[in-house]
Structure formats: C-alpha cells, structure tokens
Protein backbone atom coordinates (compact mmCIF):
# COMPACT_ATOMS: atom_id res chain seq x y z
CA MET A 1 -34.37 29.61 -42.67
CA ASP A 2 -33.57 27.88 -46.11
CA LYS A 3 -32.98 24.44 -47.57
CA ALA A 4 -29.29 24.58 -46.57
CA LYS A 5 -30.58 24.24 -43.14
CA ARG A 6 -31.54 20.68 -43.90
CA ASN A 7 -28.07 20.08 -45.30
CA GLU A 8 -26.38 21.12 -42.16
CA GLY A 9 -27.97 18.11 -40.44
CA LYS A 10 -30.76 19.89 -38.77
CA ALA A 11 -34.24 18.97 -40.02
CA VAL A 12 -36.93 21.66 -40.23
CA THR A 13 -39.38 21.25 -37.38
CA ILE A 14 -42.84 22.69 -36.81
CA TYR A 15 -41.31 25.22 -34.58
CA ASP A 16 -39.14 26.37 -37.46
CA ILE A 17 -42.27 26.66 -39.60
CA ALA A 18 -44.13 28.40 -36.84
CA LYS A 19 -41.47 30.97 -36.29
CA GLU A 20 -41.27 31.98 -40.10
CA ALA A 21 -45.01 32.04 -40.49
CA GLY A 22 -45.49 34.13 -37.47
CA VAL A 23 -47.87 31.74 -35.86
CA SER A 24 -47.72 29.29 -32.86
CA ALA A 25 -46.58 25.72 -33.09
CA ALA A 26 -50.00 24.76 -32.08
CA THR A 27 -51.34 26.47 -35.37
CA VAL A 28 -48.87 24.42 -37.41
CA SER A 29 -50.03 21.28 -35.73
CA ARG A 30 -53.67 22.08 -36.41
CA VAL A 31 -52.90 22.51 -40.13
CA LEU A 32 -51.02 19.02 -40.27
CA THR A 33 -54.17 17.33 -38.71
CA SER A 34 -56.45 19.34 -41.14
CA ASN A 35 -58.15 20.99 -38.21
CA ALA A 36 -60.72 23.37 -39.54
CA ASN A 37 -60.20 26.01 -36.71
CA VAL A 38 -57.39 27.76 -38.39
CA ARG A 39 -57.82 31.01 -40.33
CA GLN A 40 -57.43 30.54 -44.06
CA ASP A 41 -54.60 33.21 -44.45
CA LYS A 42 -52.54 31.49 -41.60
CA LYS A 43 -53.25 28.00 -43.22
CA ASP A 44 -52.17 29.25 -46.61
CA LYS A 45 -48.92 30.67 -45.21
CA VAL A 46 -48.11 27.61 -43.34
CA LEU A 47 -48.87 25.38 -46.21
CA LYS A 48 -46.52 27.42 -48.53
CA LEU A 49 -43.72 27.10 -46.05
CA MET A 50 -44.19 23.48 -45.87
CA GLU A 51 -44.04 23.09 -49.59
CA LYS A 52 -41.06 25.42 -49.60
CA TYR A 53 -39.02 23.36 -47.18
CA ASP A 54 -40.43 19.96 -48.44
CA PHE A 55 -41.68 19.62 -44.78
CA THR A 56 -43.40 16.40 -43.86
CA PRO A 57 -43.43 14.83 -40.33
CA ASN A 58 -41.18 11.88 -40.27
CA ALA A 59 -42.53 8.43 -39.93
CA LEU A 60 -41.40 8.09 -36.33
CA ALA A 61 -43.19 11.21 -35.29
CA ARG A 62 -46.42 10.07 -37.17
CA GLY A 63 -46.26 6.93 -35.36
CA LEU A 64 -45.82 8.49 -32.00
CA THR A 65 -48.68 10.89 -32.81
CA ASP A 66 -51.03 8.01 -33.61
CA THR A 67 -50.50 6.57 -30.21
CA ARG A 68 -50.80 9.70 -28.10
CA SER A 69 -53.49 10.04 -25.65
CA LYS A 70 -53.55 13.98 -26.17
CA VAL A 71 -53.89 14.11 -22.29
CA ILE A 72 -51.54 15.97 -20.00
CA GLY A 73 -51.71 15.16 -16.29
CA ILE A 74 -51.38 18.18 -13.78
CA VAL A 75 -50.58 17.47 -10.10
CA ALA A 76 -51.38 20.66 -8.10
CA ALA A 77 -50.70 21.16 -4.34
CA ASP A 78 -54.07 22.55 -3.51
CA VAL A 79 -56.57 24.22 -5.94
CA ARG A 80 -58.40 25.75 -3.01
CA ASN A 81 -55.48 28.23 -3.12
CA PRO A 82 -56.05 30.78 -5.80
CA PHE A 83 -52.57 30.65 -7.25
CA TYR A 84 -53.09 26.80 -8.10
CA SER A 85 -56.56 27.27 -9.61
CA GLU A 86 -55.14 30.16 -11.67
CA MET A 87 -52.43 28.16 -13.00
CA PHE A 88 -54.67 25.09 -13.81
CA VAL A 89 -56.96 27.28 -15.90
CA ALA A 90 -54.01 28.93 -17.60
CA CYS A 91 -52.56 25.28 -18.41
CA GLU A 92 -56.00 24.18 -19.65
CA LEU A 93 -56.48 27.08 -21.92
CA ALA A 94 -52.93 26.62 -23.31
CA ALA A 95 -53.30 22.86 -23.81
CA SER A 96 -56.45 23.27 -25.79
CA GLU A 97 -54.60 25.46 -28.37
CA TYR A 98 -52.49 22.30 -29.14
CA GLY A 99 -55.57 20.06 -29.22
CA TYR A 100 -54.67 18.62 -25.81
CA MET A 101 -56.94 18.12 -22.62
CA VAL A 102 -55.50 18.37 -19.03
CA VAL A 103 -56.54 16.13 -16.07
CA LEU A 104 -56.23 17.45 -12.66
CA GLY A 105 -54.73 15.61 -9.51
CA ASN A 106 -55.20 17.65 -6.31
CA SER A 107 -52.62 16.44 -3.89
CA LEU A 108 -53.88 18.65 -0.91
CA GLY A 109 -50.18 18.67 0.32
CA ASP A 110 -50.25 14.88 1.02
CA THR A 111 -47.21 13.11 0.12
CA VAL A 112 -48.89 9.61 -0.28
CA ARG A 113 -51.78 11.03 -2.27
CA GLU A 114 -49.31 12.86 -4.61
CA LYS A 115 -47.35 9.67 -5.32
CA LEU A 116 -50.56 7.79 -6.10
CA GLN A 117 -51.56 10.57 -8.49
CA LEU A 118 -48.24 10.29 -10.28
CA GLU A 119 -48.76 6.55 -10.54
CA LYS A 120 -52.34 6.84 -11.78
CA PHE A 121 -51.26 9.22 -14.50
CA GLN A 122 -48.57 6.87 -15.52
CA GLU A 123 -50.94 3.93 -15.67
CA GLN A 124 -53.42 6.19 -17.66
CA ARG A 125 -50.65 6.70 -20.25
CA VAL A 126 -50.97 10.55 -20.33
CA ASP A 127 -48.51 12.08 -22.49
CA ALA A 128 -46.77 14.29 -20.06
CA VAL A 129 -47.12 15.35 -16.46
CA ILE A 130 -46.76 18.73 -15.21
CA GLN A 131 -46.37 19.46 -11.42
CA ILE A 132 -47.25 22.59 -9.67
CA GLY A 133 -46.13 22.93 -6.06
CA GLY A 134 -46.36 20.03 -3.62
CA ARG A 135 -43.40 17.82 -2.74
CA ALA A 136 -41.30 19.19 -5.65
CA ASP A 137 -41.11 22.31 -3.71
CA ASP A 138 -39.59 20.73 -0.72
CA MET A 139 -35.96 21.85 0.15
CA VAL A 140 -35.06 18.16 1.08
CA LEU A 141 -36.80 15.72 -1.05
CA ASN A 142 -38.53 12.61 0.21
CA PRO A 143 -36.59 9.53 -1.19
CA ASP A 144 -39.70 7.43 -1.87
CA TYR A 145 -41.26 10.54 -3.75
CA LEU A 146 -38.12 10.75 -5.87
CA GLU A 147 -38.28 7.05 -6.70
CA LYS A 148 -41.66 7.60 -8.06
CA VAL A 149 -40.60 10.65 -10.05
CA LYS A 150 -37.75 8.57 -11.57
CA GLN A 151 -40.26 5.80 -12.53
CA VAL A 152 -42.41 8.54 -14.21
CA THR A 153 -39.58 10.37 -16.06
CA GLY A 154 -38.20 7.04 -17.30
CA ARG A 155 -41.46 6.67 -19.50
CA ILE A 156 -42.98 10.15 -20.02
CA PRO A 157 -42.05 13.80 -19.96
CA MET A 158 -42.40 15.51 -16.67
CA VAL A 159 -42.36 19.42 -16.13
CA THR A 160 -42.25 20.95 -12.71
CA THR A 161 -42.31 24.33 -11.15
CA GLY A 162 -40.56 23.14 -8.15
CA ASN A 163 -37.11 21.91 -6.83
CA LEU A 164 -36.49 18.64 -8.63
CA GLU A 165 -32.94 19.39 -9.04
CA GLY A 166 -30.89 16.29 -10.67
CA GLN A 167 -34.01 14.59 -11.93
CA ARG A 168 -34.97 14.02 -15.57
CA CYS A 169 -37.53 16.93 -15.31
CA TYR A 170 -37.85 20.29 -17.16
CA GLN A 171 -38.14 23.20 -14.82
CA VAL A 172 -40.34 26.21 -15.25
CA ARG A 173 -39.88 28.21 -12.09
CA ILE A 174 -40.81 31.66 -10.87
CA ASP A 175 -37.88 33.79 -10.07
CA ASP A 176 -38.80 34.39 -6.43
CA GLY A 177 -35.63 36.45 -5.72
CA ARG A 178 -36.70 38.95 -8.24
CA GLY A 179 -40.26 39.11 -6.72
CA ILE A 180 -38.74 40.12 -3.40
CA GLU A 181 -36.54 42.66 -5.04
CA LEU A 182 -39.71 44.33 -6.52
CA ILE A 183 -41.36 44.35 -3.15
CA MET A 184 -38.38 45.63 -1.16
CA GLU A 185 -37.70 48.46 -3.93
CA HIS A 186 -41.35 49.52 -3.60
CA LEU A 187 -41.45 49.51 0.12
CA LEU A 188 -38.07 51.21 0.52
CA GLY A 189 -39.21 53.77 -1.95
CA LEU A 190 -42.15 54.62 0.25
CA GLY A 191 -39.89 54.98 3.49
CA HIS A 192 -40.41 51.72 5.33
CA ARG A 193 -37.89 50.30 7.32
CA ARG A 194 -39.59 47.97 9.76
CA ILE A 195 -40.81 45.46 7.32
CA ALA A 196 -42.20 42.20 8.49
CA PHE A 197 -42.26 38.84 6.66
CA VAL A 198 -45.31 36.64 7.29
CA GLY A 199 -46.22 33.20 6.25
CA GLY A 200 -44.93 30.13 4.57
CA TRP A 201 -42.69 27.30 5.67
CA MET A 202 -38.99 27.61 5.53
CA ASP A 203 -38.40 23.98 4.39
CA ILE A 204 -40.28 25.07 1.26
CA ALA A 205 -37.93 26.22 -1.49
CA SER A 206 -39.98 29.06 -2.77
CA THR A 207 -40.56 30.46 0.67
CA HIS A 208 -36.85 29.95 1.62
CA ASP A 209 -35.74 31.78 -1.53
CA LYS A 210 -37.92 34.76 -0.68
CA PHE A 211 -36.91 34.89 2.74
CA GLN A 212 -33.10 34.69 2.11
CA ARG A 213 -33.33 37.43 -0.56
CA TYR A 214 -35.28 39.64 2.06
CA THR A 215 -32.62 39.31 4.61
CA GLN A 216 -29.95 39.94 2.04
CA LEU A 217 -31.77 43.17 0.95
CA LEU A 218 -32.08 44.35 4.51
CA LYS A 219 -28.25 43.89 5.01
CA GLN A 220 -27.85 45.70 1.52
CA TYR A 221 -29.57 48.75 2.65
CA ASP A 222 -28.24 48.78 6.29
CA ILE A 223 -31.54 47.81 7.79
CA PRO A 224 -31.38 45.82 10.92
CA PHE A 225 -32.82 42.39 10.77
CA LEU A 226 -35.56 42.11 13.42
CA PRO A 227 -36.50 38.28 14.28
CA GLU A 228 -39.63 39.50 16.03
CA LEU A 229 -40.83 40.80 12.62
CA VAL A 230 -40.62 37.33 11.19
CA GLY A 231 -43.63 35.11 11.19
CA LYS A 232 -41.85 31.86 10.33
CA ASN A 233 -43.58 28.56 9.52
CA GLY A 234 -47.00 30.14 9.32
CA GLY A 235 -48.50 28.20 6.45
CA TYR A 236 -50.21 29.66 3.37
CA ASP A 237 -53.84 30.01 4.13
CA PRO A 238 -55.85 32.99 5.62
CA GLU A 239 -56.12 31.36 8.96
CA SER A 240 -52.34 31.12 9.47
CA GLY A 241 -51.85 34.73 8.23
CA TYR A 242 -54.45 35.72 10.79
CA ALA A 243 -52.84 33.74 13.75
CA THR A 244 -49.15 34.74 12.83
CA MET A 245 -49.89 38.53 12.50
CA GLY A 246 -52.17 38.58 15.50
CA ALA A 247 -49.37 37.12 17.64
CA MET A 248 -46.81 39.54 16.36
CA LEU A 249 -48.98 42.57 17.18
CA ALA A 250 -50.04 41.06 20.44
CA GLN A 251 -46.49 40.98 21.50
CA GLY A 252 -46.07 44.59 20.62
CA HIS A 253 -44.18 44.14 17.49
CA VAL A 254 -45.60 46.59 15.12
CA PRO A 255 -44.18 46.88 11.61
CA THR A 256 -44.80 49.77 9.20
CA ALA A 257 -45.22 47.21 6.36
CA VAL A 258 -46.06 43.47 6.03
CA ILE A 259 -44.68 41.23 3.18
CA ALA A 260 -47.14 38.28 3.02
CA VAL A 261 -45.95 34.94 1.31
CA ASN A 262 -49.20 34.76 -0.77
CA ASP A 263 -52.47 36.52 -1.21
CA PHE A 264 -54.15 33.98 0.97
CA THR A 265 -51.97 34.71 3.88
CA ALA A 266 -52.26 38.45 3.37
CA VAL A 267 -56.09 38.25 3.54
CA GLY A 268 -55.79 36.83 7.10
CA ALA A 269 -52.99 39.24 8.14
CA MET A 270 -55.11 42.13 7.00
CA LYS A 271 -58.07 40.84 9.28
CA SER A 272 -55.84 40.66 12.22
CA ILE A 273 -54.22 44.10 11.61
CA ARG A 274 -57.60 45.69 11.62
CA GLU A 275 -58.85 43.87 14.70
CA ALA A 276 -55.75 45.23 16.48
CA GLY A 277 -57.01 48.78 15.57
CA PHE A 278 -54.57 49.51 12.90
CA ARG A 279 -55.35 51.08 9.59
CA ILE A 280 -54.26 49.76 6.12
CA PRO A 281 -52.21 51.43 4.62
CA GLU A 282 -52.19 54.43 6.91
CA ASP A 283 -50.64 52.53 9.85
CA ILE A 284 -49.38 49.29 8.37
CA SER A 285 -48.96 48.61 4.54
CA VAL A 286 -49.45 45.23 3.11
CA ILE A 287 -48.00 43.54 0.11
CA SER A 288 -48.14 40.20 -1.21
CA HIS A 289 -47.27 37.50 -3.85
CA ASP A 290 -49.50 35.81 -6.48
CA ASN A 291 -51.64 38.72 -7.69
CA SER A 292 -54.62 36.27 -7.77
CA TYR A 293 -58.35 37.38 -8.18
CA MET A 294 -58.34 37.86 -4.40
CA ALA A 295 -56.17 40.87 -4.83
CA GLU A 296 -58.81 43.00 -6.11
CA LEU A 297 -61.57 41.66 -3.98
CA VAL A 298 -60.21 42.83 -0.59
CA THR A 299 -60.38 46.37 0.85
CA PRO A 300 -58.09 48.06 0.27
CA MET A 301 -57.04 46.23 -2.84
CA LEU A 302 -53.76 44.44 -2.42
CA THR A 303 -50.39 45.30 -4.02
CA SER A 304 -49.14 42.05 -5.14
CA VAL A 305 -46.44 40.35 -7.33
CA GLU A 306 -47.86 39.14 -10.77
CA TYR A 307 -46.66 36.00 -12.33
CA HIS A 308 -48.56 36.56 -15.60
CA TYR A 309 -50.66 33.16 -15.32
CA GLN A 310 -51.39 33.06 -19.13
CA HIS A 311 -47.71 33.27 -20.05
CA PHE A 312 -46.84 30.95 -17.35
CA GLY A 313 -49.29 28.33 -18.38
CA GLU A 314 -48.03 28.61 -21.89
CA MET A 315 -44.60 28.07 -20.97
CA LEU A 316 -45.45 24.97 -18.88
CA ILE A 317 -47.71 23.46 -21.64
CA GLY A 318 -45.36 24.53 -24.56
CA THR A 319 -42.37 22.78 -22.70
CA ALA A 320 -44.46 19.69 -22.26
CA ILE A 321 -45.48 19.66 -25.89
CA ARG A 322 -41.94 20.11 -27.16
CA ALA A 323 -40.64 17.07 -24.95
CA ILE A 324 -43.78 14.96 -26.08
CA GLU A 325 -42.87 15.83 -29.69
CA GLY A 326 -39.24 14.81 -29.37
CA GLN A 327 -37.84 18.28 -29.31
CA GLU A 328 -35.49 19.34 -26.47
CA PRO A 329 -36.85 22.32 -24.52
CA PRO A 330 -34.61 24.23 -22.07
CA ALA A 331 -33.93 22.31 -18.89
CA ARG A 332 -34.53 25.27 -16.90
CA GLN A 333 -36.65 28.36 -17.43
CA LEU A 334 -37.61 31.40 -15.23
CA VAL A 335 -40.89 33.19 -15.08
CA GLU A 336 -40.08 36.92 -14.61
CA PRO A 337 -42.57 38.60 -12.08
CA THR A 338 -43.72 42.17 -12.06
CA LEU A 339 -45.34 44.22 -9.25
CA VAL A 340 -48.95 45.42 -9.48
CA VAL A 341 -49.38 48.51 -7.26
CA ARG A 342 -52.80 49.11 -5.48
CA SER A 343 -53.96 50.78 -2.42
CA SER A 344 -52.83 48.57 0.33
CA THR A 345 -49.38 50.18 0.38
CA SER A 346 -48.45 53.83 0.95
CA ILE A 347 -45.73 56.18 2.35
CA VAL A 348 -44.72 55.88 5.95
CA ARG A 349 -46.74 58.07 8.17
CA ALA A 350 -44.59 60.77 10.08
CA SER A 351 -44.31 59.76 13.84
C-alpha cells in the first residue's frame, strides 16, 4: 500500500491500516479514539502508518461516529439451545473488541415476537441488527416478516445467518452441505450403510440443505434411501429427539448410525437408544451438528460438526461493523465446518 493508492480514487481505510500494521480493525479504531487499552508497540505502528498515508477519518465518518449508539441488536431463535447461547457469547466478545455492546432479543421461535424485537431495535436506534436463526431460516418467508425486514434494512445494516435471499441483508451462513459431507465421509469410512437422519423441520433451510445433501450422498455411494430411517419434522430439542428415535426403534427400524440435526436432538436420541437396549457406539453410532458444550457432557462424548464459534462471531460482528462504517462487506460469506471425532462413533460391528 502506498500513496499512489489514494491517487487511484480509493481512499485508505482503517482496514488498510490494520492489514499493513498486522492488527485488527478494532485496534485501529481504539487508537483513533485514544483508547488506553492498546499495547504501545501496536499503537506506535498504527500511528506511524496513519502519518505515512496522511490518514484521517473523513468528516462524514466522524459525524456518523458521534451519533452512533455503539450497540448492536441480536435476535436469536432460542438461547436455551446451546448453539444460540454459544453464538451470542461469541458475538458479545467480538463486539467488545470494537468498543460495542450487544443486546439480546430471544424470539423463542415466535414470528410476532421476532417482528416486535426487530421493531424495538429500530426504535432504540441500534447501529446494526444481527439475526441468528428464527424466521430468516424459513424456506418460504412470511410476507409480513419480510416487510419488517425491509423497514429495518432501509435504516440500519442487517446481518443474518439465514435465508433472506433478495433482501438488503449481509449473509454469514454455515456451509451445511459441507457439514453433512464430513459426517458421511466419517460414517462410510467406518463401514456404516444403514444411516438414519433424525430431527429438524424440513421447511427450515438449514435442515432442508442437510437432508438434501444426505440423500445425494447416499445415491452417490449406491446406498439405498430408506424412508423408515428418516425422522422428519422432529424439532430441535431433546424431547423430540427422544420421541423420534423411540418411534423408529419401536417399529423395528434399527440403523447402525444416527445423524442428529443438532446436539440437543442427539442427547434425546441417545437416551432412547439406551432405553431400547442398544449400546452406543457398539450397536448404534451417534453423530451430530453444533459441537456445543453438551457434546462433551454426555456419555459417550459426542462426535459433532464444529462451527468455530469464536470465528463465526467475529465474522458476524466484523460484517456488521464494516457496514456501519460505510464499508461494503461481502454480501454472502460461508462458515466452513470441521468434524470433531469423539467416542460416540465406531466401526460397524460384524453381524
């Protein structure tokens, strides 16, 4: 980066300064505001670069900064689910690095409640809204809800983890298809062929994407699709996992492995498997999504897809901050999952 860059019509930004200094944009922001919570060596490096490029925030940016609330509203589907609580904490920690606070709206899966929370955040003049789950995950979006989204995005930036295609929102989504690929590669490598899919609602985009990739991979590996091994529309909580798995086993449909839509569902499914007299993983392997704290609390510990919550939260907050500051973050970003293998999965037992 050099002064020629300014002559090319592209002004130097705090992100350019941060990249060359080897620090975060939040650190540059703290230097600009004379925040004492910056190491002296980093502060000196940033200040030298600001002098080198004659960098000062423009008047418009300063005016906007003066009127910001430094608050980001987060609407989560249900923080009783460990995925949402993990995500909220990750966002809260990331926001604090930029000198922002976050406020939680817990919609509990209720559309009216979710719309009211979006409305309230707009009234409170938060600087941005991040939506994690909820109605933004629906395959078919509610028209009234979409109207509320349009009202919000007409005034403040909005970032979503969901399915708000065609709206003025920035998407930071999990690559759900890749998560299922990791699961199937693991199970097939262990010799599994009778693989059940348990939990979730098929009108929810993330569940639909997981299920579609599951069926595609069965076909790819010449494994018959068995409808009796699919517990559709089972919800996302332990109770639904327990009931769905119990019904499957009671009808004599016994898989060698179970893919649960999330850790919450997996815990219920594991209880049902044990009560039916099967062992985990000797008789039935169980594998899940989310890799929340629950994955290490159950026995045996749960093999689960990891979303790297800290990085995920940083992506969401970083996208919101860039939009607030008049930058143009990518319209769509994907969170790449990995698989954490624990003791709930093993090779198929010889029959």
